[in-house]
N, C-alpha and C. Protein backbone atom coordinates (compact mmCIF):
# COMPACT_ATOMS: atom_id res chain seq x y z
N MET A 1 0.83 -1.18 -0.08
CA MET A 1 -0.05 0.05 0.08
C MET A 1 0.94 1.18 0.02
N ILE A 2 0.40 2.20 -0.93
CA ILE A 2 1.22 3.42 -0.79
C ILE A 2 0.62 4.56 0.09
N SER A 3 1.48 5.08 0.94
CA SER A 3 0.82 6.11 1.85
C SER A 3 0.52 7.33 1.09
N GLU A 4 -0.48 8.03 1.65
CA GLU A 4 -0.93 9.43 1.02
C GLU A 4 0.09 10.35 1.07
N ARG A 5 0.92 10.32 2.11
CA ARG A 5 2.05 11.27 2.23
C ARG A 5 3.08 11.10 0.97
N LEU A 6 3.35 9.76 0.64
CA LEU A 6 4.25 9.64 -0.58
C LEU A 6 3.55 10.08 -1.74
N LYS A 7 2.24 9.66 -1.98
CA LYS A 7 1.40 10.12 -3.10
C LYS A 7 1.57 11.61 -3.18
N ARG A 8 1.22 12.31 -2.18
CA ARG A 8 1.25 13.88 -2.15
C ARG A 8 2.80 14.46 -2.65
N VAL A 9 3.84 13.87 -2.27
CA VAL A 9 5.06 14.21 -2.63
C VAL A 9 5.41 14.05 -4.04
N ILE A 10 5.02 12.85 -4.60
CA ILE A 10 5.26 12.47 -5.96
C ILE A 10 4.40 13.44 -6.88
N LEU A 11 3.10 13.47 -6.69
CA LEU A 11 2.20 14.35 -7.43
C LEU A 11 2.59 15.81 -7.45
N ARG A 12 3.07 16.25 -6.22
CA ARG A 12 3.54 17.69 -6.20
C ARG A 12 4.88 17.93 -7.07
N GLU A 13 5.70 17.03 -6.96
CA GLU A 13 7.00 17.30 -7.64
C GLU A 13 6.69 17.14 -9.13
N LEU A 14 5.65 16.22 -9.56
CA LEU A 14 5.48 16.21 -11.07
C LEU A 14 4.47 17.15 -11.48
N GLU A 15 3.91 17.96 -10.55
CA GLU A 15 3.00 18.98 -10.87
C GLU A 15 1.65 18.44 -11.47
N LEU A 16 1.16 17.45 -10.83
CA LEU A 16 -0.07 16.71 -11.28
C LEU A 16 -0.99 16.99 -10.28
N GLU A 17 -2.28 17.23 -10.56
CA GLU A 17 -3.29 17.43 -9.68
C GLU A 17 -3.77 16.07 -9.02
N GLU A 18 -3.89 15.05 -10.03
CA GLU A 18 -4.41 13.78 -9.57
C GLU A 18 -3.80 12.70 -10.42
N PHE A 19 -3.43 11.72 -10.00
CA PHE A 19 -3.06 10.48 -10.92
C PHE A 19 -3.19 9.26 -9.84
N PRO A 20 -3.72 8.20 -10.47
CA PRO A 20 -3.84 6.97 -9.59
C PRO A 20 -2.70 6.05 -9.47
N LEU A 21 -1.81 6.59 -8.46
CA LEU A 21 -0.62 5.88 -8.18
C LEU A 21 -0.92 4.62 -7.36
N THR A 22 -0.20 3.54 -7.69
CA THR A 22 -0.40 2.22 -7.07
C THR A 22 0.85 1.66 -6.86
N ALA A 23 1.07 0.74 -6.04
CA ALA A 23 2.35 0.05 -5.79
C ALA A 23 3.03 -0.37 -7.10
N ASP A 24 2.37 -0.71 -8.02
CA ASP A 24 2.82 -1.20 -9.22
C ASP A 24 3.06 -0.16 -10.37
N THR A 25 2.89 1.11 -10.01
CA THR A 25 3.00 2.15 -10.90
C THR A 25 4.59 2.45 -11.13
N VAL A 26 4.96 2.62 -12.41
CA VAL A 26 6.39 2.89 -12.74
C VAL A 26 6.51 4.22 -13.44
N ALA A 27 7.66 4.84 -13.41
CA ALA A 27 7.70 6.11 -13.92
C ALA A 27 7.17 6.32 -15.32
N ALA A 28 7.34 5.23 -16.21
CA ALA A 28 6.96 5.43 -17.51
C ALA A 28 5.36 5.47 -17.73
N ASP A 29 4.72 5.06 -16.51
CA ASP A 29 3.13 5.13 -16.52
C ASP A 29 2.71 6.70 -16.29
N VAL A 30 3.56 7.34 -15.74
CA VAL A 30 3.10 8.73 -15.24
C VAL A 30 3.52 9.86 -16.13
N PRO A 31 2.65 10.67 -16.42
CA PRO A 31 2.96 11.71 -17.39
C PRO A 31 4.00 12.62 -16.86
N GLY A 32 5.26 12.95 -17.42
CA GLY A 32 6.23 13.92 -16.96
C GLY A 32 7.17 13.27 -16.07
N TRP A 33 7.13 12.06 -15.76
CA TRP A 33 8.17 11.42 -14.99
C TRP A 33 9.27 10.90 -15.87
N ASP A 34 10.18 11.66 -16.01
CA ASP A 34 11.47 11.28 -16.66
C ASP A 34 12.66 11.25 -15.81
N SER A 35 13.82 11.06 -16.37
CA SER A 35 14.90 10.92 -15.55
C SER A 35 15.25 12.11 -14.64
N LEU A 36 15.11 13.28 -15.30
CA LEU A 36 15.25 14.60 -14.37
C LEU A 36 14.33 14.78 -13.29
N SER A 37 13.04 14.40 -13.56
CA SER A 37 12.00 14.55 -12.54
C SER A 37 12.04 13.52 -11.61
N HIS A 38 12.73 12.41 -11.95
CA HIS A 38 12.97 11.34 -10.92
C HIS A 38 13.99 11.82 -9.91
N VAL A 39 14.88 12.55 -10.20
CA VAL A 39 15.86 13.17 -9.32
C VAL A 39 15.19 13.94 -8.33
N ARG A 40 14.29 14.82 -8.82
CA ARG A 40 13.43 15.91 -8.06
C ARG A 40 12.54 14.96 -7.13
N VAL A 41 11.99 13.94 -7.68
CA VAL A 41 11.12 13.13 -6.67
C VAL A 41 11.81 12.55 -5.61
N ILE A 42 13.14 11.82 -5.83
CA ILE A 42 13.74 11.35 -4.96
C ILE A 42 14.31 12.32 -3.83
N ASP A 43 14.72 13.45 -4.18
CA ASP A 43 15.19 14.67 -3.51
C ASP A 43 14.03 14.99 -2.45
N ALA A 44 12.87 15.24 -2.96
CA ALA A 44 11.66 15.57 -2.27
C ALA A 44 11.19 14.55 -1.15
N VAL A 45 11.16 13.30 -1.76
CA VAL A 45 11.00 12.12 -0.62
C VAL A 45 12.03 12.30 0.50
N GLU A 46 13.24 12.33 0.07
CA GLU A 46 14.22 12.51 1.22
C GLU A 46 13.94 13.54 2.33
N ALA A 47 13.67 14.81 1.67
CA ALA A 47 13.40 15.98 2.61
C ALA A 47 12.09 15.68 3.25
N GLU A 48 10.97 15.15 2.63
CA GLU A 48 9.77 14.96 3.31
C GLU A 48 9.88 13.96 4.54
N PHE A 49 10.60 12.90 4.25
CA PHE A 49 10.64 11.78 5.19
C PHE A 49 11.79 11.78 6.24
N GLN A 50 12.81 12.98 5.87
CA GLN A 50 14.05 13.21 6.61
C GLN A 50 15.05 11.91 6.59
N LEU A 51 15.13 11.42 5.28
CA LEU A 51 15.92 10.31 4.93
C LEU A 51 16.95 10.71 3.98
N ARG A 52 18.10 9.76 3.91
CA ARG A 52 18.99 9.95 3.00
C ARG A 52 19.19 8.60 2.37
N PHE A 53 19.06 8.47 1.00
CA PHE A 53 19.19 7.13 0.47
C PHE A 53 20.56 7.00 -0.21
N ARG A 54 21.01 5.82 -0.30
CA ARG A 54 22.32 5.59 -0.89
C ARG A 54 22.01 5.37 -2.33
N SER A 55 23.05 5.61 -3.21
CA SER A 55 22.79 5.47 -4.70
C SER A 55 22.37 4.02 -5.07
N LEU A 56 22.91 3.02 -4.54
CA LEU A 56 22.44 1.77 -4.81
C LEU A 56 20.95 1.56 -4.45
N GLU A 57 20.58 2.10 -3.43
CA GLU A 57 19.17 1.91 -2.99
C GLU A 57 18.18 2.59 -4.08
N ILE A 58 18.73 3.68 -4.50
CA ILE A 58 17.85 4.40 -5.47
C ILE A 58 17.82 3.63 -6.91
N LEU A 59 18.76 3.18 -7.12
CA LEU A 59 19.00 2.45 -8.46
C LEU A 59 18.08 1.06 -8.43
N ARG A 60 17.83 0.55 -7.34
CA ARG A 60 17.05 -0.58 -7.11
C ARG A 60 15.49 -0.27 -7.22
N VAL A 61 15.19 0.97 -7.10
CA VAL A 61 13.77 1.37 -7.06
C VAL A 61 13.23 1.41 -8.50
N ARG A 62 12.14 0.45 -8.75
CA ARG A 62 11.63 0.31 -10.04
C ARG A 62 10.05 0.79 -10.08
N SER A 63 9.52 0.88 -8.91
CA SER A 63 8.17 1.24 -8.90
C SER A 63 7.90 2.00 -7.62
N VAL A 64 6.70 2.65 -7.58
CA VAL A 64 6.25 3.41 -6.40
C VAL A 64 6.24 2.48 -5.18
N GLY A 65 5.84 1.32 -5.37
CA GLY A 65 5.79 0.29 -4.25
C GLY A 65 7.20 0.03 -3.75
N ASP A 66 8.25 -0.12 -4.53
CA ASP A 66 9.62 -0.22 -4.24
C ASP A 66 10.11 1.06 -3.28
N LEU A 67 9.68 2.09 -3.79
CA LEU A 67 10.04 3.40 -3.04
C LEU A 67 9.41 3.39 -1.68
N GLN A 68 8.13 2.97 -1.48
CA GLN A 68 7.47 2.94 -0.24
C GLN A 68 8.20 1.94 0.63
N ARG A 69 8.39 0.75 0.01
CA ARG A 69 9.17 -0.26 0.91
C ARG A 69 10.55 0.28 1.32
N LEU A 70 11.17 1.02 0.48
CA LEU A 70 12.42 1.52 0.95
C LEU A 70 12.31 2.50 2.14
N ILE A 71 11.28 3.49 1.97
CA ILE A 71 10.96 4.42 3.05
C ILE A 71 10.62 3.70 4.30
N ASP A 72 9.78 2.75 4.20
CA ASP A 72 9.49 1.95 5.46
C ASP A 72 10.47 1.26 6.00
N ALA A 73 11.54 0.74 5.29
CA ALA A 73 12.56 -0.04 5.86
C ALA A 73 13.62 1.03 6.53
N ARG A 74 13.88 2.06 5.89
CA ARG A 74 14.58 3.12 6.45
C ARG A 74 14.13 3.80 7.71
N GLN A 75 12.79 4.01 7.69
CA GLN A 75 12.09 4.38 9.09
C GLN A 75 12.26 3.51 10.17
N LEU A 76 12.35 2.19 9.84
CA LEU A 76 12.41 1.10 10.88
C LEU A 76 13.90 0.81 11.23
N GLY A 77 14.80 1.63 10.66
CA GLY A 77 16.16 1.48 10.80
C GLY A 77 16.94 0.47 10.16
N ARG A 78 16.33 -0.10 9.06
CA ARG A 78 16.93 -1.12 8.38
C ARG A 78 17.43 -0.64 7.00
N THR A 79 18.39 -1.29 6.36
CA THR A 79 18.83 -0.82 5.12
C THR A 79 17.97 -1.79 4.08
N ALA A 80 17.97 -1.38 2.92
CA ALA A 80 17.05 -2.02 1.93
C ALA A 80 18.04 -2.93 1.17
């Protein structure tokens, strides 16, 4: 399940009013989510959740669900 907080961050960074984000959503599914906006999304997520991801963790993120799982793991003090 994707948190409303994560959805808000992603939609805000992509300047979208509404989009049906799910755990299976990948960047190619979302209008305007290209490699440059991906960097903005990750930066905004780190700021919102007060986290810092390692490069390898970011490279493993393929879907919104992967990003949510990474956030959850980091908030619990685990590495992904």
